[in-house]
């Protein structure tokens, strides 16, 4: 199953991509992310891995994910390689007259009870992802890029 969401951010494309590429700062603007940390050595890029722990129904779920596309400042995509959710996320950025158009495409393969379970989960993920991208847009538009993605300690409000 596939779903998409997009938002226009009144910031230059380089600033938006820089904020997006700070995976350790995702919990600042992602409502369900508790911690995101790179697990591979070296710079973030194709083949790099990271662990993302998020809350779902009051439980912590950790996914191991791999960067499958990294083309600054236009594309950042990853897929889960371990964990309960077979998910691929692709962010694409495009410079516009208003700033930057940030689009997210989510794809989830069949899980649990098949199509019905997948549809419910993808709807919840898209709703959450849309809210998260709106939060990122607000954060970037309200603060200078270097102030927009401070590290947040696990368990604190953002």
N, C-alpha and C. Protein backbone atom coordinates (compact mmCIF):
# COMPACT_ATOMS: atom_id res chain seq x y z
N UNK A 1 0.85 -1.16 0.00
CA UNK A 1 0.00 0.00 0.00
C UNK A 1 0.90 1.23 0.00
N UNK A 2 0.45 2.26 -0.69
CA UNK A 2 1.25 3.46 -0.84
C UNK A 2 0.38 4.68 -0.55
N UNK A 3 1.00 5.68 0.09
CA UNK A 3 0.31 6.93 0.37
C UNK A 3 1.33 8.06 0.29
N UNK A 4 0.82 9.27 0.05
CA UNK A 4 1.70 10.43 -0.08
C UNK A 4 1.14 11.61 0.69
N UNK A 5 2.04 12.48 1.10
CA UNK A 5 1.67 13.71 1.79
C UNK A 5 2.72 14.75 1.43
N UNK A 6 2.31 16.01 1.31
CA UNK A 6 3.26 17.06 0.99
C UNK A 6 2.93 18.34 1.70
N UNK A 7 3.95 19.18 1.83
CA UNK A 7 3.80 20.47 2.49
C UNK A 7 4.79 21.45 1.84
N UNK A 8 4.39 22.71 1.77
CA UNK A 8 5.31 23.75 1.30
C UNK A 8 5.87 24.47 2.51
N UNK A 9 7.18 24.59 2.55
CA UNK A 9 7.88 25.23 3.66
C UNK A 9 8.54 26.50 3.14
N UNK A 10 8.28 27.60 3.78
CA UNK A 10 8.83 28.89 3.34
C UNK A 10 10.28 29.04 3.82
N UNK A 11 11.13 28.15 3.31
CA UNK A 11 12.56 28.16 3.59
C UNK A 11 13.28 27.63 2.35
N UNK A 12 14.55 28.00 2.20
CA UNK A 12 15.32 27.48 1.06
C UNK A 12 15.47 25.96 1.14
N UNK A 13 15.58 25.35 -0.01
CA UNK A 13 15.68 23.90 -0.10
C UNK A 13 16.85 23.35 0.72
N UNK A 14 17.99 24.03 0.71
CA UNK A 14 19.17 23.55 1.45
C UNK A 14 18.89 23.51 2.96
N UNK A 15 18.18 24.49 3.47
CA UNK A 15 17.85 24.53 4.90
C UNK A 15 16.88 23.42 5.27
N UNK A 16 15.92 23.15 4.42
CA UNK A 16 14.94 22.09 4.68
C UNK A 16 15.63 20.73 4.64
N UNK A 17 16.46 20.51 3.63
CA UNK A 17 17.16 19.23 3.54
C UNK A 17 18.09 19.03 4.73
N UNK A 18 18.80 20.09 5.13
CA UNK A 18 19.71 19.98 6.28
C UNK A 18 18.95 19.56 7.54
N UNK A 19 17.78 20.12 7.76
CA UNK A 19 16.98 19.74 8.92
C UNK A 19 16.50 18.30 8.81
N UNK A 20 16.08 17.89 7.63
CA UNK A 20 15.60 16.54 7.40
C UNK A 20 16.73 15.51 7.58
N UNK A 21 17.93 15.86 7.16
CA UNK A 21 19.07 14.95 7.23
C UNK A 21 19.64 14.82 8.64
N UNK A 22 19.20 15.65 9.57
CA UNK A 22 19.61 15.51 10.98
C UNK A 22 18.69 14.48 11.64
N UNK A 23 18.93 13.22 11.35
CA UNK A 23 18.02 12.19 11.82
C UNK A 23 17.95 12.14 13.35
N UNK A 24 19.03 12.50 14.03
CA UNK A 24 19.01 12.50 15.49
C UNK A 24 18.06 13.55 16.05
N UNK A 25 17.68 14.53 15.23
CA UNK A 25 16.76 15.58 15.66
C UNK A 25 15.31 15.31 15.26
N UNK A 26 15.04 14.19 14.60
CA UNK A 26 13.66 13.89 14.22
C UNK A 26 12.69 13.92 15.39
N UNK A 27 13.08 13.49 16.60
CA UNK A 27 12.12 13.56 17.71
C UNK A 27 11.66 14.98 18.05
N UNK A 28 12.38 15.99 17.61
CA UNK A 28 11.96 17.38 17.87
C UNK A 28 10.66 17.68 17.13
N UNK A 29 10.49 17.15 15.93
CA UNK A 29 9.32 17.47 15.12
C UNK A 29 8.44 16.26 14.78
N UNK A 30 8.86 15.08 15.20
CA UNK A 30 8.08 13.88 14.95
C UNK A 30 7.41 13.45 16.25
N UNK A 31 6.09 13.46 16.27
CA UNK A 31 5.34 13.23 17.50
C UNK A 31 5.60 11.87 18.14
N UNK A 32 5.79 10.83 17.34
CA UNK A 32 5.92 9.50 17.92
C UNK A 32 7.36 9.03 18.09
N UNK A 33 8.32 9.72 17.49
CA UNK A 33 9.72 9.30 17.60
C UNK A 33 10.27 9.63 18.99
N UNK A 34 10.82 8.62 19.62
CA UNK A 34 11.45 8.83 20.93
C UNK A 34 12.95 9.03 20.78
N UNK A 35 13.53 8.26 19.88
CA UNK A 35 14.97 8.35 19.65
C UNK A 35 15.27 7.89 18.24
N UNK A 36 16.19 8.59 17.58
CA UNK A 36 16.69 8.17 16.27
C UNK A 36 18.21 8.34 16.33
N UNK A 37 18.92 7.27 16.03
CA UNK A 37 20.38 7.34 16.08
C UNK A 37 20.98 6.51 14.96
N UNK A 38 22.02 7.05 14.37
CA UNK A 38 22.71 6.33 13.31
C UNK A 38 23.46 5.17 13.94
N UNK A 39 23.38 4.00 13.32
CA UNK A 39 24.03 2.80 13.84
C UNK A 39 25.24 2.39 13.02
N UNK A 40 25.41 2.99 11.86
CA UNK A 40 26.56 2.68 11.02
C UNK A 40 27.62 3.76 11.20
N UNK A 41 28.83 3.42 10.85
CA UNK A 41 29.94 4.38 10.91
C UNK A 41 29.92 5.24 9.65
N UNK A 42 30.51 6.42 9.76
CA UNK A 42 30.65 7.29 8.60
C UNK A 42 29.48 8.23 8.44
N UNK A 43 29.53 9.01 7.36
CA UNK A 43 28.48 10.01 7.14
C UNK A 43 27.17 9.36 6.72
N UNK A 44 26.10 10.11 6.89
CA UNK A 44 24.80 9.66 6.43
C UNK A 44 24.81 9.63 4.91
N UNK A 45 24.37 8.54 4.35
CA UNK A 45 24.33 8.38 2.90
C UNK A 45 23.79 7.00 2.57
N UNK A 46 23.73 6.68 1.29
CA UNK A 46 23.22 5.38 0.86
C UNK A 46 23.99 4.27 1.56
N UNK A 47 23.23 3.35 2.15
CA UNK A 47 23.83 2.23 2.87
C UNK A 47 23.96 2.46 4.37
N UNK A 48 23.89 3.71 4.81
CA UNK A 48 23.95 4.00 6.24
C UNK A 48 22.71 3.42 6.92
N UNK A 49 22.87 3.01 8.16
CA UNK A 49 21.74 2.46 8.91
C UNK A 49 21.49 3.30 10.15
N UNK A 50 20.24 3.23 10.61
CA UNK A 50 19.88 3.92 11.85
C UNK A 50 18.76 3.16 12.54
N UNK A 51 18.66 3.39 13.84
CA UNK A 51 17.59 2.80 14.64
C UNK A 51 16.63 3.91 15.01
N UNK A 52 15.36 3.65 14.82
CA UNK A 52 14.33 4.61 15.17
C UNK A 52 13.37 3.94 16.15
N UNK A 53 13.29 4.52 17.34
CA UNK A 53 12.37 4.01 18.35
C UNK A 53 11.22 4.99 18.45
N UNK A 54 10.02 4.48 18.32
CA UNK A 54 8.85 5.34 18.41
C UNK A 54 7.80 4.67 19.27
N UNK A 55 6.84 5.47 19.70
CA UNK A 55 5.77 4.93 20.54
C UNK A 55 4.55 4.65 19.69
N UNK A 56 3.92 3.53 19.97
CA UNK A 56 2.69 3.14 19.30
C UNK A 56 1.84 2.41 20.31
N UNK A 57 0.67 2.95 20.56
CA UNK A 57 -0.22 2.34 21.55
C UNK A 57 0.44 2.19 22.91
N UNK A 58 1.27 3.16 23.28
CA UNK A 58 1.93 3.13 24.57
C UNK A 58 3.14 2.22 24.66
N UNK A 59 3.49 1.57 23.56
CA UNK A 59 4.64 0.67 23.54
C UNK A 59 5.75 1.29 22.72
N UNK A 60 6.97 0.94 23.05
CA UNK A 60 8.11 1.36 22.25
C UNK A 60 8.40 0.33 21.17
N UNK A 61 8.52 0.78 19.95
CA UNK A 61 8.85 -0.10 18.83
C UNK A 61 10.11 0.45 18.18
N UNK A 62 11.07 -0.42 17.95
CA UNK A 62 12.31 0.00 17.30
C UNK A 62 12.43 -0.66 15.95
N UNK A 63 12.72 0.17 14.96
CA UNK A 63 12.98 -0.32 13.61
C UNK A 63 14.43 -0.04 13.26
N UNK A 64 15.07 -0.98 12.61
CA UNK A 64 16.38 -0.72 12.02
C UNK A 64 16.12 -0.36 10.58
N UNK A 65 16.69 0.76 10.15
CA UNK A 65 16.39 1.27 8.81
C UNK A 65 17.67 1.57 8.05
N UNK A 66 17.57 1.51 6.73
CA UNK A 66 18.72 1.72 5.86
C UNK A 66 18.39 2.83 4.86
N UNK A 67 19.33 3.74 4.69
CA UNK A 67 19.18 4.80 3.69
C UNK A 67 19.34 4.16 2.31
N UNK A 68 18.35 4.35 1.46
CA UNK A 68 18.40 3.77 0.11
C UNK A 68 18.55 4.83 -0.98
N UNK A 69 18.35 6.09 -0.63
CA UNK A 69 18.58 7.19 -1.56
C UNK A 69 18.98 8.41 -0.75
N UNK A 70 20.03 9.08 -1.17
CA UNK A 70 20.52 10.26 -0.47
C UNK A 70 21.17 11.17 -1.51
N UNK A 71 20.40 12.17 -1.94
CA UNK A 71 20.86 13.09 -2.98
C UNK A 71 20.56 14.52 -2.54
N UNK A 72 21.44 15.10 -1.69
CA UNK A 72 21.20 16.47 -1.21
C UNK A 72 21.13 17.45 -2.37
N UNK A 73 20.25 18.41 -2.35
CA UNK A 73 19.20 18.64 -1.36
C UNK A 73 17.82 18.15 -1.84
N UNK A 74 17.79 17.09 -2.63
CA UNK A 74 16.52 16.69 -3.27
C UNK A 74 15.87 15.41 -2.76
N UNK A 75 16.63 14.45 -2.28
CA UNK A 75 16.05 13.15 -1.94
C UNK A 75 16.69 12.54 -0.71
N UNK A 76 15.83 12.01 0.16
CA UNK A 76 16.27 11.19 1.29
C UNK A 76 15.23 10.09 1.44
N UNK A 77 15.67 8.84 1.29
CA UNK A 77 14.74 7.72 1.39
C UNK A 77 15.37 6.61 2.21
N UNK A 78 14.51 5.88 2.91
CA UNK A 78 14.98 4.75 3.71
C UNK A 78 13.93 3.66 3.73
N UNK A 79 14.38 2.47 4.13
CA UNK A 79 13.48 1.33 4.27
C UNK A 79 13.82 0.60 5.55
N UNK A 80 12.80 -0.01 6.14
CA UNK A 80 13.05 -0.80 7.34
C UNK A 80 13.68 -2.13 6.92
N UNK A 81 14.70 -2.53 7.66
CA UNK A 81 15.36 -3.80 7.37
C UNK A 81 15.22 -4.77 8.53
N UNK A 82 14.69 -4.27 9.66
CA UNK A 82 14.45 -5.12 10.81
C UNK A 82 13.39 -4.46 11.68
N UNK A 83 12.47 -5.24 12.17
CA UNK A 83 11.41 -4.71 13.01
C UNK A 83 10.06 -5.14 12.48
N UNK A 84 9.01 -4.76 13.18
CA UNK A 84 7.68 -5.28 12.86
C UNK A 84 6.96 -4.58 11.71
N UNK A 85 7.56 -3.53 11.13
CA UNK A 85 6.84 -2.75 10.14
C UNK A 85 7.63 -2.66 8.84
N UNK A 86 7.23 -3.38 7.78
CA UNK A 86 7.93 -3.33 6.49
C UNK A 86 7.57 -2.05 5.75
N UNK A 87 8.36 -1.02 5.94
CA UNK A 87 8.03 0.32 5.49
C UNK A 87 9.16 0.93 4.67
N UNK A 88 8.79 1.65 3.62
CA UNK A 88 9.73 2.47 2.86
C UNK A 88 9.20 3.89 2.87
N UNK A 89 10.08 4.84 3.20
CA UNK A 89 9.73 6.27 3.23
C UNK A 89 10.68 7.01 2.30
N UNK A 90 10.12 7.85 1.45
CA UNK A 90 10.93 8.65 0.53
C UNK A 90 10.52 10.11 0.62
N UNK A 91 11.46 10.95 1.03
CA UNK A 91 11.24 12.40 1.04
C UNK A 91 11.84 12.98 -0.23
N UNK A 92 11.08 13.80 -0.92
CA UNK A 92 11.61 14.52 -2.07
C UNK A 92 11.38 16.00 -1.85
N UNK A 93 12.35 16.80 -2.24
CA UNK A 93 12.29 18.24 -2.04
C UNK A 93 12.46 18.93 -3.38
N UNK A 94 11.69 19.99 -3.57
CA UNK A 94 11.74 20.77 -4.80
C UNK A 94 11.68 22.25 -4.44
N UNK A 95 12.62 23.02 -4.99
CA UNK A 95 12.60 24.47 -4.78
C UNK A 95 11.41 25.06 -5.53
N UNK A 96 10.69 25.94 -4.86
CA UNK A 96 9.55 26.62 -5.47
C UNK A 96 9.68 28.12 -5.22
N UNK A 97 8.82 28.90 -5.83
CA UNK A 97 8.82 30.35 -5.61
C UNK A 97 8.52 30.67 -4.14
N UNK A 98 7.74 29.81 -3.48
CA UNK A 98 7.37 30.03 -2.08
C UNK A 98 8.41 29.52 -1.10
N UNK A 99 9.34 28.70 -1.55
CA UNK A 99 10.34 28.09 -0.66
C UNK A 99 10.68 26.69 -1.13
N UNK A 100 10.19 25.69 -0.40
CA UNK A 100 10.49 24.30 -0.73
C UNK A 100 9.23 23.45 -0.61
N UNK A 101 9.00 22.62 -1.60
CA UNK A 101 7.92 21.64 -1.53
C UNK A 101 8.55 20.35 -1.03
N UNK A 102 8.09 19.88 0.13
CA UNK A 102 8.58 18.64 0.72
C UNK A 102 7.47 17.61 0.61
N UNK A 103 7.75 16.51 -0.08
CA UNK A 103 6.76 15.45 -0.26
C UNK A 103 7.28 14.17 0.38
N UNK A 104 6.38 13.44 0.96
CA UNK A 104 6.71 12.15 1.57
C UNK A 104 5.85 11.08 0.93
N UNK A 105 6.50 10.04 0.43
CA UNK A 105 5.79 8.86 -0.09
C UNK A 105 6.09 7.70 0.85
N UNK A 106 5.03 7.07 1.33
CA UNK A 106 5.15 5.93 2.23
C UNK A 106 4.65 4.68 1.53
N UNK A 107 5.38 3.61 1.70
CA UNK A 107 4.92 2.34 1.14
C UNK A 107 5.08 1.28 2.21
N UNK A 108 4.04 0.51 2.40
CA UNK A 108 4.07 -0.57 3.38
C UNK A 108 3.65 -1.85 2.68
N UNK A 109 4.39 -2.91 2.95
CA UNK A 109 4.01 -4.19 2.36
C UNK A 109 3.02 -4.88 3.27
N UNK A 110 2.43 -5.93 2.78
CA UNK A 110 1.39 -6.64 3.53
C UNK A 110 1.91 -7.12 4.88
N UNK A 111 1.12 -6.87 5.91
CA UNK A 111 1.47 -7.32 7.25
C UNK A 111 0.24 -7.89 7.92
N UNK A 112 0.46 -8.59 8.99
CA UNK A 112 -0.64 -9.07 9.83
C UNK A 112 -1.70 -9.78 9.03
N UNK A 113 -2.91 -9.23 9.07
CA UNK A 113 -4.05 -9.85 8.41
C UNK A 113 -4.22 -9.38 6.96
N UNK A 114 -3.15 -8.97 6.35
CA UNK A 114 -3.20 -8.63 4.94
C UNK A 114 -3.61 -7.20 4.67
N UNK A 115 -4.38 -7.01 3.63
CA UNK A 115 -4.72 -5.69 3.12
C UNK A 115 -5.44 -4.83 4.15
N UNK A 116 -6.39 -5.39 4.87
CA UNK A 116 -7.15 -4.59 5.83
C UNK A 116 -6.24 -4.05 6.93
N UNK A 117 -5.37 -4.89 7.48
CA UNK A 117 -4.44 -4.43 8.51
C UNK A 117 -3.49 -3.39 7.94
N UNK A 118 -2.99 -3.63 6.74
CA UNK A 118 -2.09 -2.68 6.10
C UNK A 118 -2.75 -1.34 5.88
N UNK A 119 -4.02 -1.34 5.46
CA UNK A 119 -4.74 -0.09 5.21
C UNK A 119 -4.90 0.72 6.48
N UNK A 120 -5.24 0.06 7.57
CA UNK A 120 -5.40 0.77 8.85
C UNK A 120 -4.08 1.36 9.30
N UNK A 121 -3.02 0.57 9.20
CA UNK A 121 -1.71 1.04 9.64
C UNK A 121 -1.21 2.18 8.76
N UNK A 122 -1.34 2.05 7.45
CA UNK A 122 -0.86 3.11 6.57
C UNK A 122 -1.65 4.40 6.78
N UNK A 123 -2.96 4.29 7.03
CA UNK A 123 -3.75 5.50 7.32
C UNK A 123 -3.24 6.19 8.57
N UNK A 124 -2.94 5.42 9.60
CA UNK A 124 -2.42 6.01 10.85
C UNK A 124 -1.05 6.63 10.63
N UNK A 125 -0.21 5.97 9.87
CA UNK A 125 1.13 6.49 9.61
C UNK A 125 1.06 7.77 8.78
N UNK A 126 0.21 7.78 7.76
CA UNK A 126 0.07 8.98 6.92
C UNK A 126 -0.46 10.15 7.74
N UNK A 127 -1.46 9.89 8.57
CA UNK A 127 -1.99 10.96 9.43
C UNK A 127 -0.90 11.51 10.31
N UNK A 128 -0.13 10.64 10.94
CA UNK A 128 0.95 11.07 11.82
C UNK A 128 2.05 11.78 11.03
N UNK A 129 2.41 11.23 9.88
CA UNK A 129 3.47 11.84 9.06
C UNK A 129 3.06 13.21 8.57
N UNK A 130 1.80 13.38 8.19
CA UNK A 130 1.32 14.70 7.78
C UNK A 130 1.43 15.70 8.90
N UNK A 131 1.04 15.29 10.08
CA UNK A 131 1.15 16.16 11.26
C UNK A 131 2.62 16.49 11.53
N UNK A 132 3.50 15.51 11.37
CA UNK A 132 4.92 15.72 11.61
C UNK A 132 5.52 16.70 10.59
N UNK A 133 5.17 16.55 9.31
CA UNK A 133 5.70 17.47 8.30
C UNK A 133 5.19 18.88 8.52
N UNK A 134 3.95 19.01 8.96
CA UNK A 134 3.42 20.33 9.31
C UNK A 134 4.21 20.93 10.48
N UNK A 135 4.57 20.09 11.45
CA UNK A 135 5.36 20.55 12.60
C UNK A 135 6.75 20.99 12.15
N UNK A 136 7.36 20.22 11.24
CA UNK A 136 8.68 20.61 10.72
C UNK A 136 8.59 21.94 9.99
N UNK A 137 7.55 22.10 9.18
CA UNK A 137 7.37 23.36 8.45
C UNK A 137 7.25 24.52 9.43
N UNK A 138 6.44 24.38 10.45
CA UNK A 138 6.27 25.44 11.45
C UNK A 138 7.59 25.75 12.15
N UNK A 139 8.30 24.71 12.53
CA UNK A 139 9.57 24.88 13.22
C UNK A 139 10.58 25.63 12.35
N UNK A 140 10.70 25.23 11.10
CA UNK A 140 11.66 25.87 10.21
C UNK A 140 11.26 27.30 9.86
N UNK A 141 9.98 27.54 9.75
CA UNK A 141 9.52 28.88 9.39
C UNK A 141 9.61 29.85 10.57
N UNK A 142 9.54 29.35 11.78
CA UNK A 142 9.57 30.20 12.97
C UNK A 142 10.98 30.48 13.47
N UNK A 143 11.94 29.63 13.14
CA UNK A 143 13.29 29.75 13.68
C UNK A 143 14.32 29.74 12.56
N UNK A 144 15.47 30.32 12.84
CA UNK A 144 16.59 30.25 11.89
C UNK A 144 16.98 28.78 11.75
N UNK A 145 17.49 28.36 10.59
CA UNK A 145 17.80 26.95 10.37
C UNK A 145 18.69 26.34 11.45
N UNK A 146 19.68 27.07 11.94
CA UNK A 146 20.57 26.51 12.96
C UNK A 146 19.87 26.35 14.31
N UNK A 147 18.74 27.04 14.50
CA UNK A 147 18.00 26.92 15.75
C UNK A 147 16.86 25.91 15.61
N UNK A 148 16.57 25.47 14.42
CA UNK A 148 15.35 24.72 14.16
C UNK A 148 15.39 23.27 14.59
N UNK A 149 16.57 22.69 14.73
CA UNK A 149 16.62 21.26 15.03
C UNK A 149 17.54 20.96 16.20
N UNK A 150 17.27 21.54 17.37
CA UNK A 150 18.12 21.22 18.52
C UNK A 150 17.91 19.77 18.94
N UNK A 151 18.95 19.19 19.50
CA UNK A 151 18.82 17.82 19.99
C UNK A 151 17.84 17.82 21.16
N UNK A 152 17.01 16.82 21.22
CA UNK A 152 16.06 16.69 22.32
C UNK A 152 16.35 15.41 23.06
N UNK A 153 16.35 15.49 24.38
CA UNK A 153 16.58 14.30 25.17
C UNK A 153 15.36 13.42 25.13
N UNK A 154 15.59 12.13 25.17
CA UNK A 154 14.50 11.16 25.15
C UNK A 154 13.58 11.41 26.34
N UNK A 155 12.29 11.43 26.07
CA UNK A 155 11.31 11.56 27.14
C UNK A 155 10.93 12.98 27.50
N UNK A 156 11.52 13.98 26.84
CA UNK A 156 11.14 15.35 27.13
C UNK A 156 10.23 15.86 26.05
N UNK A 157 9.44 16.84 26.38
CA UNK A 157 8.51 17.44 25.41
C UNK A 157 9.29 18.33 24.46
N UNK A 158 8.85 18.38 23.22
CA UNK A 158 9.55 19.16 22.20
C UNK A 158 8.95 20.48 21.95
